[in-house]
Amino acid sequence: MTPIDFTQDWKQKLQNRFINYVKIYSTSDAESEATPSTPQQWDIANYIFEELKTIGLADVSIDEHGYIYAYVPSNLENDEEPVVGFISHYDTSPDFSGEHVKPQIWENYDGKDLVLNSETGFTLSPTRFESLKDHIGKTLITTDGTTLLGADDKAGIAEIVTAAEFLMAHPEIKHGKIAIGFTPDEEIGRGAHKFDVKKFGAEWAYTMDGSEVGELEYENFNAAGAVVKIHGLSVHPGYAFGKMINATLLAAEFIQMLPENETPATTKGFEGFYHLMDIKADISEAKIQYIIRDHDEQKFEARKKFISDQVSVFNKKHGDGTAEIEIKDQYRNMKQQFEGKMHIIDIAEQALKDAKIDPKIKAIRGGTDGAQLSYMGLPCPNIFAGGLNFHGPYEYVALESMEKAVEVIINIARSKKKR
């Protein structure tokens, strides 16, 4: 396959596009029931919508929930190719501030510590993050140490839009119809909830939402969210003997009832966990938020049962109704949706190899929109977008990694596809 001539002008276009995206505040909010969950997501949604029209894509639309759809028309005379899609999300994680992002560009990285903020001394160091050593000589884009960057998943959006624009500008690259979709609220587990699979019209798709270059993933966690509410009784502390029920203390007790060695920091590979996400508490009320994850379906169901049983044990000790729990499934392991459809993975793997990338096929210790979409009838594995250290101030991405992702998208678009 002829290599893609991705000139310096295109590299600059990709970099500028990404920088523009990350400066737009678009954090999502799990407490909101709206779609998008935050009004600021409309700013980037409308920005992307106008951009897609400007570069000449077909049938560009945005619906009342902020879902964006667009198409690169086929340039084949007798097009019998299946429509293939590419999807990314434009919200950023509420785990860390995504407002007033000030990206910094470090050309020809020398492998040493990067002082991201001279006032605070905040430093991105290869001593702590060994992945930096793999990017010596490359152009890094980082935060200023006060916010996350938003490469998750604005890198994916920049890559898809740039690849689409490149295909429109290079009609000599023959391809079938390519569908493009961008979603809100992926970071809070709702990115695919209102995605219109029928309107999208693809036979299958790929989310550009992975991390390390070469990642190709079609297996992920089963996921649920759990909220434990604990009811206390507030009484003046001077008259509290025998009366006060301190919900904050009870919350601390409940937290200790879950296995301390089954957290994200103590598990790896296919091991599942309970992740304490947030706690809000005073004497009267406490609210504890968990996410529950496991690749194995039976173990996943057992985890949900275990935390529910602990609430029952807790109530036997402290009285009926002291604690209550609500568990909501978020997404499922998409692996079984690829039975008999492994050509979807094979095409992506070959696209990686054609880009001189060593494929890293592994299970995701997380989830993507693709997990839900696969169960909605749109098989949708996940491909790297290049960013690292997501959801915090140490997040960074190499421009060269994003270039490789663009090349992979184009390689898939021009691959010989099989039904």
Protein backbone atom coordinates (compact mmCIF):
# COMPACT_ATOMS: atom_id res chain seq x y z
CA MET A 1 0.00 0.00 0.00
CA THR A 2 1.37 3.41 -0.99
CA PRO A 3 2.33 5.47 2.10
CA ILE A 4 0.28 8.61 2.76
CA ASP A 5 2.04 11.87 1.89
CA PHE A 6 1.19 13.73 5.09
CA THR A 7 3.05 17.00 4.51
CA GLN A 8 4.06 19.61 7.06
CA ASP A 9 1.00 21.67 6.15
CA TRP A 10 -1.26 18.78 7.12
CA LYS A 11 0.68 18.19 10.34
CA GLN A 12 0.22 21.84 11.26
CA LYS A 13 -3.47 21.63 10.41
CA LEU A 14 -3.84 18.61 12.71
CA GLN A 15 -2.00 20.34 15.55
CA ASN A 16 -3.95 23.58 15.23
CA ARG A 17 -7.25 21.71 15.10
CA PHE A 18 -6.45 19.80 18.28
CA ILE A 19 -5.30 22.96 20.09
CA ASN A 20 -8.55 24.71 19.13
CA TYR A 21 -10.63 21.82 20.46
CA VAL A 22 -8.93 21.48 23.84
CA LYS A 23 -9.35 25.19 24.58
CA ILE A 24 -13.13 24.76 24.44
CA TYR A 25 -14.56 23.88 27.86
CA SER A 26 -16.68 20.73 27.53
CA THR A 27 -16.68 18.81 30.83
CA SER A 28 -19.66 16.49 31.37
CA ASP A 29 -21.61 16.04 34.62
CA ALA A 30 -22.95 12.72 35.93
CA GLU A 31 -25.37 14.52 38.25
CA SER A 32 -27.27 16.05 35.33
CA GLU A 33 -30.06 14.20 33.54
CA ALA A 34 -29.87 16.39 30.43
CA THR A 35 -28.24 15.41 27.13
CA PRO A 36 -25.69 16.86 26.76
CA SER A 37 -25.28 16.85 30.51
CA THR A 38 -23.70 20.33 30.54
CA PRO A 39 -24.47 23.45 28.51
CA GLN A 40 -20.80 24.04 27.69
CA GLN A 41 -20.73 20.91 25.54
CA TRP A 42 -22.89 22.75 23.04
CA ASP A 43 -20.01 25.16 22.41
CA ILE A 44 -17.71 22.50 21.03
CA ALA A 45 -20.56 20.59 19.36
CA ASN A 46 -21.59 23.66 17.38
CA TYR A 47 -17.95 24.45 16.59
CA ILE A 48 -17.37 20.97 15.13
CA PHE A 49 -20.70 21.06 13.28
CA GLU A 50 -19.71 24.26 11.47
CA GLU A 51 -16.21 22.95 10.79
CA LEU A 52 -17.51 19.77 9.15
CA LYS A 53 -19.67 21.84 6.83
CA THR A 54 -16.71 24.10 6.01
CA ILE A 55 -14.49 21.22 4.90
CA GLY A 56 -17.22 19.98 2.58
CA LEU A 57 -18.56 16.83 4.18
CA ALA A 58 -21.98 15.59 3.11
CA ASP A 59 -25.22 15.50 5.12
CA VAL A 60 -23.74 17.21 8.16
CA SER A 61 -26.28 17.34 10.99
CA ILE A 62 -26.56 17.87 14.72
CA ASP A 63 -29.60 16.70 16.67
CA GLU A 64 -31.33 18.09 19.74
CA HIS A 65 -29.08 16.01 22.01
CA GLY A 66 -25.80 17.20 20.52
CA TYR A 67 -25.01 14.12 18.43
CA ILE A 68 -23.18 15.03 15.23
CA TYR A 69 -23.33 13.02 12.00
CA ALA A 70 -21.48 13.60 8.74
CA TYR A 71 -20.21 11.65 5.73
CA VAL A 72 -17.30 11.45 3.35
CA PRO A 73 -19.02 10.48 0.07
CA SER A 74 -17.77 7.45 -1.82
CA ASN A 75 -15.57 8.19 -4.82
CA LEU A 76 -15.94 4.72 -6.37
CA GLU A 77 -17.74 4.30 -9.69
CA ASN A 78 -19.46 1.08 -8.66
CA ASP A 79 -19.58 1.28 -4.93
CA GLU A 80 -20.44 -2.05 -3.35
CA GLU A 81 -18.37 -1.42 -0.26
CA PRO A 82 -20.04 -1.45 3.17
CA VAL A 83 -20.27 1.91 4.91
CA VAL A 84 -17.65 2.09 7.69
CA GLY A 85 -17.79 4.67 10.49
CA PHE A 86 -15.45 6.50 12.87
CA ILE A 87 -16.67 7.87 16.22
CA SER A 88 -15.24 10.00 19.04
CA HIS A 89 -16.63 11.97 22.00
CA TYR A 90 -16.18 15.66 22.67
CA ASP A 91 -16.85 15.82 26.41
CA THR A 92 -13.99 15.68 28.90
CA SER A 93 -13.86 13.91 32.23
CA PRO A 94 -15.30 15.56 35.36
CA ASP A 95 -12.48 13.88 37.34
CA PHE A 96 -10.34 17.01 36.93
CA SER A 97 -10.86 20.57 35.76
CA GLY A 98 -11.30 20.99 32.02
CA GLU A 99 -11.92 24.73 32.11
CA HIS A 100 -9.39 27.29 30.86
CA VAL A 101 -7.12 24.64 29.33
CA LYS A 102 -3.79 26.19 28.30
CA PRO A 103 -2.02 23.66 26.08
CA GLN A 104 1.73 23.86 25.72
CA ILE A 105 3.78 22.62 22.75
CA TRP A 106 7.22 21.12 23.31
CA GLU A 107 9.08 20.47 20.06
CA ASN A 108 11.88 17.91 19.83
CA TYR A 109 11.38 16.62 23.38
CA ASP A 110 14.79 15.86 24.94
CA GLY A 111 13.72 13.17 27.41
CA LYS A 112 14.14 15.36 30.50
CA ASP A 113 11.69 16.76 33.06
CA LEU A 114 9.15 19.22 31.68
CA VAL A 115 8.30 22.03 34.09
CA LEU A 116 4.71 22.68 33.04
CA ASN A 117 4.14 25.55 35.43
CA SER A 118 7.00 27.79 36.55
CA GLU A 119 4.90 29.38 39.30
CA THR A 120 3.97 26.10 41.00
CA GLY A 121 6.87 23.97 39.81
CA PHE A 122 4.44 21.37 38.48
CA THR A 123 6.55 18.90 36.51
CA LEU A 124 5.94 16.09 34.04
CA SER A 125 8.83 13.70 34.57
CA PRO A 126 9.98 10.47 32.86
CA THR A 127 10.99 9.28 36.32
CA ARG A 128 7.31 9.03 37.19
CA PHE A 129 5.90 8.47 33.70
CA GLU A 130 8.24 6.17 31.80
CA SER A 131 6.16 6.47 28.62
CA LEU A 132 7.81 9.84 28.06
CA LYS A 133 11.03 8.02 27.16
CA ASP A 134 9.28 6.63 24.07
CA HIS A 135 8.67 10.15 22.78
CA ILE A 136 12.17 11.60 22.67
CA GLY A 137 12.57 13.80 19.61
CA LYS A 138 8.82 14.20 19.16
CA THR A 139 6.47 17.15 19.55
CA LEU A 140 4.56 16.88 22.82
CA ILE A 141 1.41 18.74 23.74
CA THR A 142 0.83 19.06 27.49
CA THR A 143 -1.21 20.97 30.04
CA ASP A 144 0.06 23.85 32.18
CA GLY A 145 -0.43 21.70 35.27
CA THR A 146 -3.76 23.23 36.33
CA THR A 147 -6.20 21.29 34.15
CA LEU A 148 -6.49 18.09 32.18
CA LEU A 149 -5.62 18.36 28.49
CA GLY A 150 -8.64 16.76 26.83
CA ALA A 151 -6.78 14.44 24.45
CA ASP A 152 -9.45 12.03 25.67
CA ASP A 153 -11.05 12.34 23.25
CA LYS A 154 -10.41 15.55 21.36
CA ALA A 155 -7.35 13.88 19.87
CA GLY A 156 -9.73 11.35 18.33
CA ILE A 157 -11.95 14.08 16.94
CA ALA A 158 -8.99 15.97 15.47
CA GLU A 159 -7.75 12.78 13.84
CA ILE A 160 -11.10 11.85 12.31
CA VAL A 161 -11.81 15.35 11.01
CA THR A 162 -8.30 15.67 9.58
CA ALA A 163 -8.52 12.26 7.91
CA ALA A 164 -11.90 13.20 6.42
CA GLU A 165 -10.53 16.49 5.11
CA PHE A 166 -7.49 14.68 3.68
CA LEU A 167 -9.70 12.19 1.83
CA MET A 168 -11.81 15.03 0.43
CA ALA A 169 -8.62 16.74 -0.81
CA HIS A 170 -7.14 13.57 -2.34
CA PRO A 171 -9.67 11.98 -4.71
CA GLU A 172 -6.93 9.66 -5.99
CA ILE A 173 -7.38 7.69 -2.74
CA LYS A 174 -10.32 5.45 -3.57
CA HIS A 175 -12.76 4.66 -0.80
CA GLY A 176 -16.37 3.86 -0.07
CA LYS A 177 -18.74 6.02 1.94
CA ILE A 178 -17.36 6.91 5.37
CA ALA A 179 -19.67 7.79 8.27
CA ILE A 180 -18.52 10.11 11.06
CA GLY A 181 -20.15 10.53 14.47
CA PHE A 182 -19.33 12.64 17.51
CA THR A 183 -21.04 12.23 20.86
CA PRO A 184 -21.49 13.99 24.22
CA ASP A 185 -21.25 12.48 27.69
CA GLU A 186 -19.04 9.44 27.03
CA GLU A 187 -17.05 10.18 30.18
CA ILE A 188 -20.14 9.67 32.34
CA GLY A 189 -21.17 6.45 30.58
CA ARG A 190 -23.94 7.92 28.43
CA GLY A 191 -22.18 8.68 25.16
CA ALA A 192 -24.10 6.18 23.07
CA HIS A 193 -27.46 6.32 24.86
CA LYS A 194 -29.14 8.45 22.21
CA PHE A 195 -26.90 7.68 19.24
CA ASP A 196 -29.01 7.03 16.12
CA VAL A 197 -27.46 3.86 14.71
CA LYS A 198 -29.98 3.66 11.88
CA LYS A 199 -29.33 7.24 10.79
CA PHE A 200 -25.56 6.73 11.06
CA GLY A 201 -25.94 3.99 8.47
CA ALA A 202 -22.62 2.19 8.95
CA GLU A 203 -22.24 -1.58 8.86
CA TRP A 204 -19.56 -1.27 11.50
CA ALA A 205 -17.43 1.49 13.03
CA TYR A 206 -14.34 2.24 15.09
CA THR A 207 -14.06 4.53 18.09
CA MET A 208 -10.80 6.50 18.03
CA ASP A 209 -10.60 6.63 21.82
CA GLY A 210 -7.65 4.51 22.90
CA SER A 211 -4.34 5.60 24.31
CA GLU A 212 -0.97 4.14 23.32
CA VAL A 213 -0.04 3.95 19.63
CA GLY A 214 -0.97 0.53 18.26
CA GLU A 215 -3.85 -0.22 20.60
CA LEU A 216 -6.71 -2.18 19.05
CA GLU A 217 -9.36 -3.29 21.50
CA TYR A 218 -12.55 -5.26 21.16
CA GLU A 219 -12.94 -6.46 24.73
CA ASN A 220 -13.78 -4.22 27.68
CA PHE A 221 -15.15 -4.15 31.21
CA ASN A 222 -18.72 -4.84 32.12
CA ALA A 223 -19.63 -1.67 33.99
CA ALA A 224 -22.13 -0.41 36.53
CA GLY A 225 -22.50 2.59 38.80
CA ALA A 226 -23.61 2.26 42.41
CA VAL A 227 -24.87 4.97 44.76
CA VAL A 228 -25.10 4.18 48.47
CA LYS A 229 -27.12 6.64 50.59
CA ILE A 230 -26.83 6.60 54.36
CA HIS A 231 -29.32 8.35 56.61
CA GLY A 232 -28.21 9.81 59.92
CA LEU A 233 -29.79 11.92 62.64
CA SER A 234 -28.45 15.37 63.53
CA VAL A 235 -28.68 16.46 67.12
CA HIS A 236 -26.86 19.28 68.92
CA PRO A 237 -23.53 17.74 69.98
CA GLY A 238 -24.08 18.91 73.54
CA TYR A 239 -27.21 16.80 73.80
CA ALA A 240 -26.26 14.00 71.40
CA PHE A 241 -25.70 11.12 73.80
CA GLY A 242 -27.77 8.14 72.71
CA LYS A 243 -29.45 10.15 69.98
CA MET A 244 -27.06 11.34 67.24
CA ILE A 245 -26.47 9.10 64.24
CA ASN A 246 -23.50 10.52 62.34
CA ALA A 247 -23.91 9.64 58.66
CA THR A 248 -20.33 10.66 57.89
CA LEU A 249 -18.94 8.13 60.38
CA LEU A 250 -21.30 5.48 59.06
CA ALA A 251 -20.13 6.19 55.51
CA ALA A 252 -16.53 5.67 56.57
CA GLU A 253 -17.54 2.37 58.15
CA PHE A 254 -19.33 1.20 55.01
CA ILE A 255 -16.36 2.06 52.79
CA GLN A 256 -14.21 -0.24 54.90
CA MET A 257 -16.61 -3.13 54.25
CA LEU A 258 -15.45 -3.47 50.63
CA PRO A 259 -12.23 -5.36 49.80
CA GLU A 260 -9.25 -3.01 50.08
CA ASN A 261 -7.27 -5.02 47.49
CA GLU A 262 -9.97 -4.76 44.79
CA THR A 263 -9.53 -1.15 43.70
CA PRO A 264 -8.11 0.33 40.47
CA ALA A 265 -4.77 0.91 42.21
CA THR A 266 -4.45 -2.74 43.29
CA THR A 267 -5.69 -4.61 40.20
CA LYS A 268 -4.52 -5.10 36.62
CA GLY A 269 -5.21 -7.10 33.47
CA PHE A 270 -8.54 -8.88 33.70
CA GLU A 271 -9.00 -8.23 37.42
CA GLY A 272 -12.13 -6.29 38.34
CA PHE A 273 -12.62 -3.71 41.06
CA TYR A 274 -14.83 -1.42 43.12
CA HIS A 275 -13.82 2.22 42.61
CA LEU A 276 -14.85 4.84 45.16
CA MET A 277 -15.53 7.87 42.98
CA ASP A 278 -17.01 10.41 45.35
CA ILE A 279 -18.41 10.94 48.82
CA LYS A 280 -20.57 13.79 50.05
CA ALA A 281 -21.48 13.64 53.69
CA ASP A 282 -22.63 15.52 56.75
CA ILE A 283 -24.21 14.33 59.98
CA SER A 284 -27.66 13.85 58.47
CA GLU A 285 -26.91 12.31 55.09
CA ALA A 286 -24.08 10.65 53.19
CA LYS A 287 -23.89 9.77 49.52
CA ILE A 288 -21.17 7.39 48.32
CA GLN A 289 -20.61 6.82 44.60
CA TYR A 290 -18.87 3.75 43.21
CA ILE A 291 -18.19 2.30 39.81
CA ILE A 292 -18.07 -1.49 39.51
CA ARG A 293 -16.00 -3.17 36.80
CA ASP A 294 -15.19 -6.72 35.67
CA HIS A 295 -14.46 -8.34 32.31
CA ASP A 296 -16.11 -11.63 33.28
CA GLU A 297 -19.91 -11.42 33.24
CA GLN A 298 -20.45 -13.84 36.13
CA LYS A 299 -17.88 -12.07 38.29
CA PHE A 300 -19.49 -8.76 37.37
CA GLU A 301 -22.90 -9.95 38.54
CA ALA A 302 -21.28 -11.31 41.70
CA ARG A 303 -19.72 -7.91 42.40
CA LYS A 304 -23.08 -6.17 42.14
CA LYS A 305 -24.62 -8.74 44.46
CA PHE A 306 -21.76 -8.42 46.95
CA ILE A 307 -22.08 -4.65 47.37
CA SER A 308 -25.88 -5.01 47.69
CA ASP A 309 -25.41 -7.71 50.33
CA GLN A 310 -23.07 -5.43 52.26
CA VAL A 311 -25.84 -2.85 52.45
CA SER A 312 -28.11 -5.53 53.93
CA VAL A 313 -25.44 -6.48 56.47
CA PHE A 314 -24.99 -2.81 57.32
CA ASN A 315 -28.73 -2.36 57.90
CA LYS A 316 -28.89 -5.41 60.16
CA LYS A 317 -26.30 -3.74 62.36
CA HIS A 318 -27.61 -0.18 62.29
CA GLY A 319 -31.32 -0.61 61.62
CA ASP A 320 -33.53 -1.09 58.57
CA GLY A 321 -33.44 1.83 56.19
CA THR A 322 -30.17 3.26 57.49
CA ALA A 323 -28.59 2.61 54.09
CA GLU A 324 -29.98 2.12 50.61
CA ILE A 325 -28.32 1.35 47.29
CA GLU A 326 -29.10 1.97 43.65
CA ILE A 327 -27.13 0.14 40.94
CA LYS A 328 -27.34 1.02 37.26
CA ASP A 329 -25.66 -0.94 34.48
CA GLN A 330 -23.60 1.29 32.18
CA TYR A 331 -22.19 -0.93 29.45
CA ARG A 332 -21.25 -4.53 28.68
CA ASN A 333 -18.20 -6.35 27.40
CA MET A 334 -18.45 -6.11 23.61
CA LYS A 335 -16.29 -9.17 22.86
CA GLN A 336 -19.18 -11.53 22.17
CA GLN A 337 -20.58 -9.09 19.60
CA PHE A 338 -17.65 -9.90 17.29
CA GLU A 339 -18.33 -13.61 17.01
CA GLY A 340 -18.38 -14.31 13.26
CA LYS A 341 -17.31 -10.72 12.52
CA MET A 342 -13.56 -10.86 13.10
CA HIS A 343 -12.94 -9.33 9.66
CA ILE A 344 -13.67 -6.00 11.37
CA ILE A 345 -10.66 -6.55 13.63
CA ASP A 346 -8.54 -7.98 10.80
CA ILE A 347 -9.06 -4.86 8.67
CA ALA A 348 -7.96 -2.58 11.52
CA GLU A 349 -4.98 -4.78 12.32
CA GLN A 350 -3.82 -4.65 8.70
CA ALA A 351 -4.31 -0.88 8.65
CA LEU A 352 -1.98 -0.62 11.63
CA LYS A 353 0.63 -2.79 9.96
CA ASP A 354 0.39 -0.75 6.75
CA ALA A 355 1.18 2.31 8.86
CA LYS A 356 4.29 0.52 10.18
CA ILE A 357 2.71 0.13 13.61
CA ASP A 358 2.99 -2.98 15.76
CA PRO A 359 -0.62 -3.88 16.72
CA LYS A 360 -1.27 -4.13 20.46
CA ILE A 361 -4.49 -6.12 20.70
CA LYS A 362 -5.69 -6.19 24.28
CA ALA A 363 -8.68 -5.78 26.55
CA ILE A 364 -9.66 -2.29 27.72
CA ARG A 365 -9.56 -1.62 31.44
CA GLY A 366 -12.43 0.74 30.87
CA GLY A 367 -15.07 1.27 28.23
CA THR A 368 -15.90 3.32 25.18
CA ASP A 369 -19.02 4.35 23.30
CA GLY A 370 -18.23 1.33 21.15
CA ALA A 371 -19.16 -1.07 23.92
CA GLN A 372 -22.74 0.22 23.98
CA LEU A 373 -22.92 0.68 20.23
CA SER A 374 -21.89 -2.93 19.67
CA TYR A 375 -24.96 -4.01 21.63
CA MET A 376 -27.09 -1.56 19.64
CA GLY A 377 -26.24 -3.38 16.40
CA LEU A 378 -23.13 -1.40 15.39
CA PRO A 379 -20.00 -3.50 16.01
CA CYS A 380 -17.45 -0.94 17.14
CA PRO A 381 -13.93 -1.82 18.37
CA ASN A 382 -11.58 0.81 19.70
CA ILE A 383 -8.37 2.18 18.15
CA PHE A 384 -5.67 4.34 19.75
CA ALA A 385 -5.86 8.13 19.64
CA GLY A 386 -2.39 8.64 21.13
CA GLY A 387 -2.99 10.48 24.40
CA LEU A 388 -1.53 9.32 27.71
CA ASN A 389 -2.19 9.94 31.42
CA PHE A 390 -5.86 10.77 30.82
CA HIS A 391 -8.14 12.59 33.28
CA GLY A 392 -5.54 14.69 35.03
CA PRO A 393 -2.90 17.41 34.78
CA TYR A 394 -0.17 15.00 33.60
CA GLU A 395 -2.06 14.24 30.41
CA TYR A 396 -0.13 14.66 27.16
CA VAL A 397 -0.12 13.58 23.52
CA ALA A 398 2.57 13.46 20.84
CA LEU A 399 1.70 15.09 17.53
CA GLU A 400 3.38 12.17 15.77
CA SER A 401 1.00 9.74 17.52
CA MET A 402 -1.98 11.68 16.21
CA GLU A 403 -0.46 11.63 12.72
CA LYS A 404 -0.23 7.85 12.91
CA ALA A 405 -3.89 7.66 13.96
CA VAL A 406 -4.87 9.73 10.90
CA GLU A 407 -2.91 7.33 8.72
CA VAL A 408 -4.69 4.33 10.25
CA ILE A 409 -8.10 5.91 9.60
CA ILE A 410 -7.19 6.53 5.97
CA ASN A 411 -5.81 3.01 5.60
CA ILE A 412 -9.08 1.54 6.88
CA ALA A 413 -11.08 3.80 4.59
CA ARG A 414 -9.17 2.63 1.53
CA SER A 415 -8.86 -1.01 2.57
CA LYS A 416 -10.63 -3.73 0.64
CA LYS A 417 -13.53 -4.49 2.94
CA LYS A 418 -15.42 -7.74 3.25
CA ARG A 419 -18.98 -8.25 4.35
